[in-house]
ModelCIF file with pLDDT and N, C-alpha, C, O atoms, coordinates in Angstrom:
data_MODEL
#
_entry.id   MODEL 
#
_entity.id                         1 
_entity.type                       polymer 
_entity.pdbx_number_of_molecules   1 
#
_entity_poly.entity_id                      1 
_entity_poly.type                           'polypeptide(L)' 
_entity_poly.nstd_linkage                   no 
_entity_poly.nstd_monomer                   no 
_entity_poly.pdbx_seq_one_letter_code       
;(UNK)(UNK)(UNK)(UNK)(UNK)(UNK)(UNK)(UNK)(UNK)(UNK)(UNK)(UNK)(UNK)(UNK)(UNK)(UNK)
(UNK)(UNK)(UNK)(UNK)(UNK)(UNK)(UNK)(UNK)(UNK)(UNK)(UNK)(UNK)(UNK)(UNK)(UNK)
;
_entity_poly.pdbx_seq_one_letter_code_can   XXXXXXXXXXXXXXXXXXXXXXXXXXXXXXX 
_entity_poly.pdbx_strand_id                 A 
#
loop_
_entity_poly_seq.entity_id 
_entity_poly_seq.num 
_entity_poly_seq.mon_id 
_entity_poly_seq.hetero 
1 1  UNK n 
1 2  UNK n 
1 3  UNK n 
1 4  UNK n 
1 5  UNK n 
1 6  UNK n 
1 7  UNK n 
1 8  UNK n 
1 9  UNK n 
1 10 UNK n 
1 11 UNK n 
1 12 UNK n 
1 13 UNK n 
1 14 UNK n 
1 15 UNK n 
1 16 UNK n 
1 17 UNK n 
1 18 UNK n 
1 19 UNK n 
1 20 UNK n 
1 21 UNK n 
1 22 UNK n 
1 23 UNK n 
1 24 UNK n 
1 25 UNK n 
1 26 UNK n 
1 27 UNK n 
1 28 UNK n 
1 29 UNK n 
1 30 UNK n 
1 31 UNK n 
#
_struct_asym.id          A 
_struct_asym.entity_id   1 
#
loop_
_ma_qa_metric.id 
_ma_qa_metric.mode 
_ma_qa_metric.name 
_ma_qa_metric.software_group_id 
_ma_qa_metric.type 
1 global pLDDT . pLDDT 
2 local  pLDDT . pLDDT 
#
_ma_qa_metric_global.metric_id      1 
_ma_qa_metric_global.metric_value   85.06 
_ma_qa_metric_global.model_id       1 
_ma_qa_metric_global.ordinal_id     1 
#
loop_
_ma_qa_metric_local.label_asym_id 
_ma_qa_metric_local.label_comp_id 
_ma_qa_metric_local.label_seq_id 
_ma_qa_metric_local.metric_id 
_ma_qa_metric_local.metric_value 
_ma_qa_metric_local.model_id 
_ma_qa_metric_local.ordinal_id 
A UNK 1  2 84.00 1 1  
A UNK 2  2 86.00 1 2  
A UNK 3  2 88.00 1 3  
A UNK 4  2 88.00 1 4  
A UNK 5  2 87.00 1 5  
A UNK 6  2 87.00 1 6  
A UNK 7  2 88.00 1 7  
A UNK 8  2 89.00 1 8  
A UNK 9  2 91.00 1 9  
A UNK 10 2 88.00 1 10 
A UNK 11 2 89.00 1 11 
A UNK 12 2 90.00 1 12 
A UNK 13 2 88.00 1 13 
A UNK 14 2 87.00 1 14 
A UNK 15 2 84.00 1 15 
A UNK 16 2 85.00 1 16 
A UNK 17 2 84.00 1 17 
A UNK 18 2 84.00 1 18 
A UNK 19 2 79.00 1 19 
A UNK 20 2 76.00 1 20 
A UNK 21 2 76.00 1 21 
A UNK 22 2 71.00 1 22 
A UNK 23 2 77.00 1 23 
A UNK 24 2 86.00 1 24 
A UNK 25 2 85.00 1 25 
A UNK 26 2 84.00 1 26 
A UNK 27 2 86.00 1 27 
A UNK 28 2 88.00 1 28 
A UNK 29 2 87.00 1 29 
A UNK 30 2 88.00 1 30 
A UNK 31 2 87.00 1 31 
#
loop_
_atom_site.group_PDB 
_atom_site.id 
_atom_site.type_symbol 
_atom_site.label_atom_id 
_atom_site.label_alt_id 
_atom_site.label_comp_id 
_atom_site.label_asym_id 
_atom_site.label_entity_id 
_atom_site.label_seq_id 
_atom_site.pdbx_PDB_ins_code 
_atom_site.Cartn_x 
_atom_site.Cartn_y 
_atom_site.Cartn_z 
_atom_site.occupancy 
_atom_site.B_iso_or_equiv 
_atom_site.pdbx_formal_charge 
_atom_site.auth_seq_id 
_atom_site.auth_comp_id 
_atom_site.auth_asym_id 
_atom_site.auth_atom_id 
_atom_site.pdbx_PDB_model_num 
ATOM 1   N N  . UNK A 1 1  ? 1.195  -8.369  -12.840 1.00 84.00 ? 1  UNK A N  1 
ATOM 2   C CA . UNK A 1 1  ? 2.658  -8.378  -12.796 1.00 84.00 ? 1  UNK A CA 1 
ATOM 3   C C  . UNK A 1 1  ? 3.182  -7.488  -11.671 1.00 84.00 ? 1  UNK A C  1 
ATOM 4   O O  . UNK A 1 1  ? 4.136  -7.850  -10.983 1.00 84.00 ? 1  UNK A O  1 
ATOM 5   N N  . UNK A 1 2  ? 2.563  -6.335  -11.487 1.00 86.00 ? 2  UNK A N  1 
ATOM 6   C CA . UNK A 1 2  ? 3.030  -5.382  -10.481 1.00 86.00 ? 2  UNK A CA 1 
ATOM 7   C C  . UNK A 1 2  ? 2.793  -5.891  -9.062  1.00 86.00 ? 2  UNK A C  1 
ATOM 8   O O  . UNK A 1 2  ? 3.695  -5.846  -8.225  1.00 86.00 ? 2  UNK A O  1 
ATOM 9   N N  . UNK A 1 3  ? 1.585  -6.375  -8.791  1.00 88.00 ? 3  UNK A N  1 
ATOM 10  C CA . UNK A 1 3  ? 1.263  -6.856  -7.443  1.00 88.00 ? 3  UNK A CA 1 
ATOM 11  C C  . UNK A 1 3  ? 2.138  -8.045  -7.067  1.00 88.00 ? 3  UNK A C  1 
ATOM 12  O O  . UNK A 1 3  ? 2.650  -8.124  -5.950  1.00 88.00 ? 3  UNK A O  1 
ATOM 13  N N  . UNK A 1 4  ? 2.304  -8.964  -8.007  1.00 88.00 ? 4  UNK A N  1 
ATOM 14  C CA . UNK A 1 4  ? 3.126  -10.142 -7.739  1.00 88.00 ? 4  UNK A CA 1 
ATOM 15  C C  . UNK A 1 4  ? 4.557  -9.741  -7.395  1.00 88.00 ? 4  UNK A C  1 
ATOM 16  O O  . UNK A 1 4  ? 5.116  -10.216 -6.406  1.00 88.00 ? 4  UNK A O  1 
ATOM 17  N N  . UNK A 1 5  ? 5.145  -8.875  -8.202  1.00 87.00 ? 5  UNK A N  1 
ATOM 18  C CA . UNK A 1 5  ? 6.537  -8.489  -7.987  1.00 87.00 ? 5  UNK A CA 1 
ATOM 19  C C  . UNK A 1 5  ? 6.723  -7.720  -6.680  1.00 87.00 ? 5  UNK A C  1 
ATOM 20  O O  . UNK A 1 5  ? 7.662  -7.992  -5.932  1.00 87.00 ? 5  UNK A O  1 
ATOM 21  N N  . UNK A 1 6  ? 5.842  -6.770  -6.401  1.00 87.00 ? 6  UNK A N  1 
ATOM 22  C CA . UNK A 1 6  ? 5.984  -5.964  -5.171  1.00 87.00 ? 6  UNK A CA 1 
ATOM 23  C C  . UNK A 1 6  ? 5.811  -6.805  -3.912  1.00 87.00 ? 6  UNK A C  1 
ATOM 24  O O  . UNK A 1 6  ? 6.533  -6.616  -2.934  1.00 87.00 ? 6  UNK A O  1 
ATOM 25  N N  . UNK A 1 7  ? 4.865  -7.725  -3.934  1.00 88.00 ? 7  UNK A N  1 
ATOM 26  C CA . UNK A 1 7  ? 4.611  -8.573  -2.772  1.00 88.00 ? 7  UNK A CA 1 
ATOM 27  C C  . UNK A 1 7  ? 5.791  -9.509  -2.510  1.00 88.00 ? 7  UNK A C  1 
ATOM 28  O O  . UNK A 1 7  ? 6.155  -9.759  -1.361  1.00 88.00 ? 7  UNK A O  1 
ATOM 29  N N  . UNK A 1 8  ? 6.377  -10.018 -3.583  1.00 89.00 ? 8  UNK A N  1 
ATOM 30  C CA . UNK A 1 8  ? 7.540  -10.896 -3.453  1.00 89.00 ? 8  UNK A CA 1 
ATOM 31  C C  . UNK A 1 8  ? 8.720  -10.142 -2.836  1.00 89.00 ? 8  UNK A C  1 
ATOM 32  O O  . UNK A 1 8  ? 9.420  -10.682 -1.980  1.00 89.00 ? 8  UNK A O  1 
ATOM 33  N N  . UNK A 1 9  ? 8.942  -8.908  -3.264  1.00 91.00 ? 9  UNK A N  1 
ATOM 34  C CA . UNK A 1 9  ? 10.062 -8.126  -2.739  1.00 91.00 ? 9  UNK A CA 1 
ATOM 35  C C  . UNK A 1 9  ? 9.936  -7.926  -1.229  1.00 91.00 ? 9  UNK A C  1 
ATOM 36  O O  . UNK A 1 9  ? 10.924 -8.033  -0.502  1.00 91.00 ? 9  UNK A O  1 
ATOM 37  N N  . UNK A 1 10 ? 8.712  -7.633  -0.754  1.00 88.00 ? 10 UNK A N  1 
ATOM 38  C CA . UNK A 1 10 ? 8.491  -7.453  0.685   1.00 88.00 ? 10 UNK A CA 1 
ATOM 39  C C  . UNK A 1 10 ? 8.827  -8.736  1.448   1.00 88.00 ? 10 UNK A C  1 
ATOM 40  O O  . UNK A 1 10 ? 9.273  -8.683  2.594   1.00 88.00 ? 10 UNK A O  1 
ATOM 41  N N  . UNK A 1 11 ? 8.612  -9.884  0.808   1.00 89.00 ? 11 UNK A N  1 
ATOM 42  C CA . UNK A 1 11 ? 8.896  -11.159 1.444   1.00 89.00 ? 11 UNK A CA 1 
ATOM 43  C C  . UNK A 1 11 ? 10.348 -11.586 1.358   1.00 89.00 ? 11 UNK A C  1 
ATOM 44  O O  . UNK A 1 11 ? 10.727 -12.595 1.953   1.00 89.00 ? 11 UNK A O  1 
ATOM 45  N N  . UNK A 1 12 ? 11.178 -10.834 0.622   1.00 90.00 ? 12 UNK A N  1 
ATOM 46  C CA . UNK A 1 12 ? 12.583 -11.201 0.460   1.00 90.00 ? 12 UNK A CA 1 
ATOM 47  C C  . UNK A 1 12 ? 13.543 -10.295 1.216   1.00 90.00 ? 12 UNK A C  1 
ATOM 48  O O  . UNK A 1 12 ? 14.659 -10.705 1.533   1.00 90.00 ? 12 UNK A O  1 
ATOM 49  N N  . UNK A 1 13 ? 13.123 -9.065  1.509   1.00 88.00 ? 13 UNK A N  1 
ATOM 50  C CA . UNK A 1 13 ? 14.023 -8.083  2.103   1.00 88.00 ? 13 UNK A CA 1 
ATOM 51  C C  . UNK A 1 13 ? 13.477 -7.634  3.455   1.00 88.00 ? 13 UNK A C  1 
ATOM 52  O O  . UNK A 1 13 ? 12.293 -7.312  3.554   1.00 88.00 ? 13 UNK A O  1 
ATOM 53  N N  . UNK A 1 14 ? 14.309 -7.603  4.504   1.00 87.00 ? 14 UNK A N  1 
ATOM 54  C CA . UNK A 1 14 ? 13.850 -7.120  5.812   1.00 87.00 ? 14 UNK A CA 1 
ATOM 55  C C  . UNK A 1 14 ? 13.331 -5.693  5.719   1.00 87.00 ? 14 UNK A C  1 
ATOM 56  O O  . UNK A 1 14 ? 13.826 -4.894  4.924   1.00 87.00 ? 14 UNK A O  1 
ATOM 57  N N  . UNK A 1 15 ? 12.340 -5.379  6.530   1.00 84.00 ? 15 UNK A N  1 
ATOM 58  C CA . UNK A 1 15 ? 11.678 -4.079  6.463   1.00 84.00 ? 15 UNK A CA 1 
ATOM 59  C C  . UNK A 1 15 ? 12.629 -2.923  6.683   1.00 84.00 ? 15 UNK A C  1 
ATOM 60  O O  . UNK A 1 15 ? 12.540 -1.911  5.988   1.00 84.00 ? 15 UNK A O  1 
ATOM 61  N N  . UNK A 1 16 ? 13.544 -3.052  7.646   1.00 85.00 ? 16 UNK A N  1 
ATOM 62  C CA . UNK A 1 16 ? 14.447 -1.938  7.941   1.00 85.00 ? 16 UNK A CA 1 
ATOM 63  C C  . UNK A 1 16 ? 15.373 -1.628  6.773   1.00 85.00 ? 16 UNK A C  1 
ATOM 64  O O  . UNK A 1 16 ? 15.771 -0.477  6.589   1.00 85.00 ? 16 UNK A O  1 
ATOM 65  N N  . UNK A 1 17 ? 15.723 -2.644  5.976   1.00 84.00 ? 17 UNK A N  1 
ATOM 66  C CA . UNK A 1 17 ? 16.559 -2.435  4.788   1.00 84.00 ? 17 UNK A CA 1 
ATOM 67  C C  . UNK A 1 17 ? 15.720 -1.870  3.646   1.00 84.00 ? 17 UNK A C  1 
ATOM 68  O O  . UNK A 1 17 ? 16.160 -0.991  2.905   1.00 84.00 ? 17 UNK A O  1 
ATOM 69  N N  . UNK A 1 18 ? 14.505 -2.395  3.521   1.00 84.00 ? 18 UNK A N  1 
ATOM 70  C CA . UNK A 1 18 ? 13.633 -2.028  2.414   1.00 84.00 ? 18 UNK A CA 1 
ATOM 71  C C  . UNK A 1 18 ? 13.240 -0.553  2.455   1.00 84.00 ? 18 UNK A C  1 
ATOM 72  O O  . UNK A 1 18 ? 13.119 0.086   1.410   1.00 84.00 ? 18 UNK A O  1 
ATOM 73  N N  . UNK A 1 19 ? 13.041 -0.016  3.647   1.00 79.00 ? 19 UNK A N  1 
ATOM 74  C CA . UNK A 1 19 ? 12.564 1.365   3.802   1.00 79.00 ? 19 UNK A CA 1 
ATOM 75  C C  . UNK A 1 19 ? 13.455 2.387   3.110   1.00 79.00 ? 19 UNK A C  1 
ATOM 76  O O  . UNK A 1 19 ? 12.958 3.373   2.566   1.00 79.00 ? 19 UNK A O  1 
ATOM 77  N N  . UNK A 1 20 ? 14.767 2.161   3.123   1.00 76.00 ? 20 UNK A N  1 
ATOM 78  C CA . UNK A 1 20 ? 15.682 3.153   2.572   1.00 76.00 ? 20 UNK A CA 1 
ATOM 79  C C  . UNK A 1 20 ? 16.306 2.768   1.251   1.00 76.00 ? 20 UNK A C  1 
ATOM 80  O O  . UNK A 1 20 ? 17.221 3.444   0.779   1.00 76.00 ? 20 UNK A O  1 
ATOM 81  N N  . UNK A 1 21 ? 15.831 1.694   0.643   1.00 76.00 ? 21 UNK A N  1 
ATOM 82  C CA . UNK A 1 21 ? 16.447 1.203   -0.590  1.00 76.00 ? 21 UNK A CA 1 
ATOM 83  C C  . UNK A 1 21 ? 15.984 2.004   -1.800  1.00 76.00 ? 21 UNK A C  1 
ATOM 84  O O  . UNK A 1 21 ? 14.786 2.212   -1.989  1.00 76.00 ? 21 UNK A O  1 
ATOM 85  N N  . UNK A 1 22 ? 16.927 2.450   -2.617  1.00 71.00 ? 22 UNK A N  1 
ATOM 86  C CA . UNK A 1 22 ? 16.586 3.153   -3.853  1.00 71.00 ? 22 UNK A CA 1 
ATOM 87  C C  . UNK A 1 22 ? 16.302 2.208   -4.996  1.00 71.00 ? 22 UNK A C  1 
ATOM 88  O O  . UNK A 1 22 ? 15.794 2.632   -6.034  1.00 71.00 ? 22 UNK A O  1 
ATOM 89  N N  . UNK A 1 23 ? 16.620 0.920   -4.828  1.00 77.00 ? 23 UNK A N  1 
ATOM 90  C CA . UNK A 1 23 ? 16.356 -0.090  -5.855  1.00 77.00 ? 23 UNK A CA 1 
ATOM 91  C C  . UNK A 1 23 ? 15.950 -1.383  -5.155  1.00 77.00 ? 23 UNK A C  1 
ATOM 92  O O  . UNK A 1 23 ? 16.713 -2.349  -5.170  1.00 77.00 ? 23 UNK A O  1 
ATOM 93  N N  . UNK A 1 24 ? 14.755 -1.428  -4.535  1.00 86.00 ? 24 UNK A N  1 
ATOM 94  C CA . UNK A 1 24 ? 14.380 -2.576  -3.698  1.00 86.00 ? 24 UNK A CA 1 
ATOM 95  C C  . UNK A 1 24 ? 14.284 -3.899  -4.452  1.00 86.00 ? 24 UNK A C  1 
ATOM 96  O O  . UNK A 1 24 ? 14.592 -4.946  -3.883  1.00 86.00 ? 24 UNK A O  1 
ATOM 97  N N  . UNK A 1 25 ? 13.867 -3.878  -5.711  1.00 85.00 ? 25 UNK A N  1 
ATOM 98  C CA . UNK A 1 25 ? 13.778 -5.137  -6.437  1.00 85.00 ? 25 UNK A CA 1 
ATOM 99  C C  . UNK A 1 25 ? 15.161 -5.708  -6.736  1.00 85.00 ? 25 UNK A C  1 
ATOM 100 O O  . UNK A 1 25 ? 15.365 -6.919  -6.654  1.00 85.00 ? 25 UNK A O  1 
ATOM 101 N N  . UNK A 1 26 ? 16.101 -4.846  -7.080  1.00 84.00 ? 26 UNK A N  1 
ATOM 102 C CA . UNK A 1 26 ? 17.473 -5.302  -7.289  1.00 84.00 ? 26 UNK A CA 1 
ATOM 103 C C  . UNK A 1 26 ? 18.069 -5.815  -5.981  1.00 84.00 ? 26 UNK A C  1 
ATOM 104 O O  . UNK A 1 26 ? 18.816 -6.794  -5.972  1.00 84.00 ? 26 UNK A O  1 
ATOM 105 N N  . UNK A 1 27 ? 17.735 -5.149  -4.881  1.00 86.00 ? 27 UNK A N  1 
ATOM 106 C CA . UNK A 1 27 ? 18.183 -5.600  -3.557  1.00 86.00 ? 27 UNK A CA 1 
ATOM 107 C C  . UNK A 1 27 ? 17.666 -7.002  -3.269  1.00 86.00 ? 27 UNK A C  1 
ATOM 108 O O  . UNK A 1 27 ? 18.409 -7.847  -2.770  1.00 86.00 ? 27 UNK A O  1 
ATOM 109 N N  . UNK A 1 28 ? 16.391 -7.255  -3.580  1.00 88.00 ? 28 UNK A N  1 
ATOM 110 C CA . UNK A 1 28 ? 15.797 -8.570  -3.348  1.00 88.00 ? 28 UNK A CA 1 
ATOM 111 C C  . UNK A 1 28 ? 16.458 -9.628  -4.213  1.00 88.00 ? 28 UNK A C  1 
ATOM 112 O O  . UNK A 1 28 ? 16.777 -10.714 -3.729  1.00 88.00 ? 28 UNK A O  1 
ATOM 113 N N  . UNK A 1 29 ? 16.667 -9.322  -5.485  1.00 87.00 ? 29 UNK A N  1 
ATOM 114 C CA . UNK A 1 29 ? 17.300 -10.284 -6.389  1.00 87.00 ? 29 UNK A CA 1 
ATOM 115 C C  . UNK A 1 29 ? 18.718 -10.607 -5.948  1.00 87.00 ? 29 UNK A C  1 
ATOM 116 O O  . UNK A 1 29 ? 19.146 -11.757 -6.042  1.00 87.00 ? 29 UNK A O  1 
ATOM 117 N N  . UNK A 1 30 ? 19.455 -9.609  -5.468  1.00 88.00 ? 30 UNK A N  1 
ATOM 118 C CA . UNK A 1 30 ? 20.815 -9.829  -5.019  1.00 88.00 ? 30 UNK A CA 1 
ATOM 119 C C  . UNK A 1 30 ? 20.888 -10.743 -3.811  1.00 88.00 ? 30 UNK A C  1 
ATOM 120 O O  . UNK A 1 30 ? 21.826 -11.530 -3.689  1.00 88.00 ? 30 UNK A O  1 
ATOM 121 N N  . UNK A 1 31 ? 19.910 -10.651 -2.913  1.00 87.00 ? 31 UNK A N  1 
ATOM 122 C CA . UNK A 1 31 ? 19.900 -11.494 -1.725  1.00 87.00 ? 31 UNK A CA 1 
ATOM 123 C C  . UNK A 1 31 ? 19.639 -12.957 -2.060  1.00 87.00 ? 31 UNK A C  1 
ATOM 124 O O  . UNK A 1 31 ? 19.599 -13.798 -1.163  1.00 87.00 ? 31 UNK A O  1 
#
């Protein structure tokens, strides 16, 4: 569950945004 979710988030959010996000999974879902 963890690997799947983390890998998906990297594929949904640009790296420059992801680096500073305090809630990256919520950021991915919102996009």
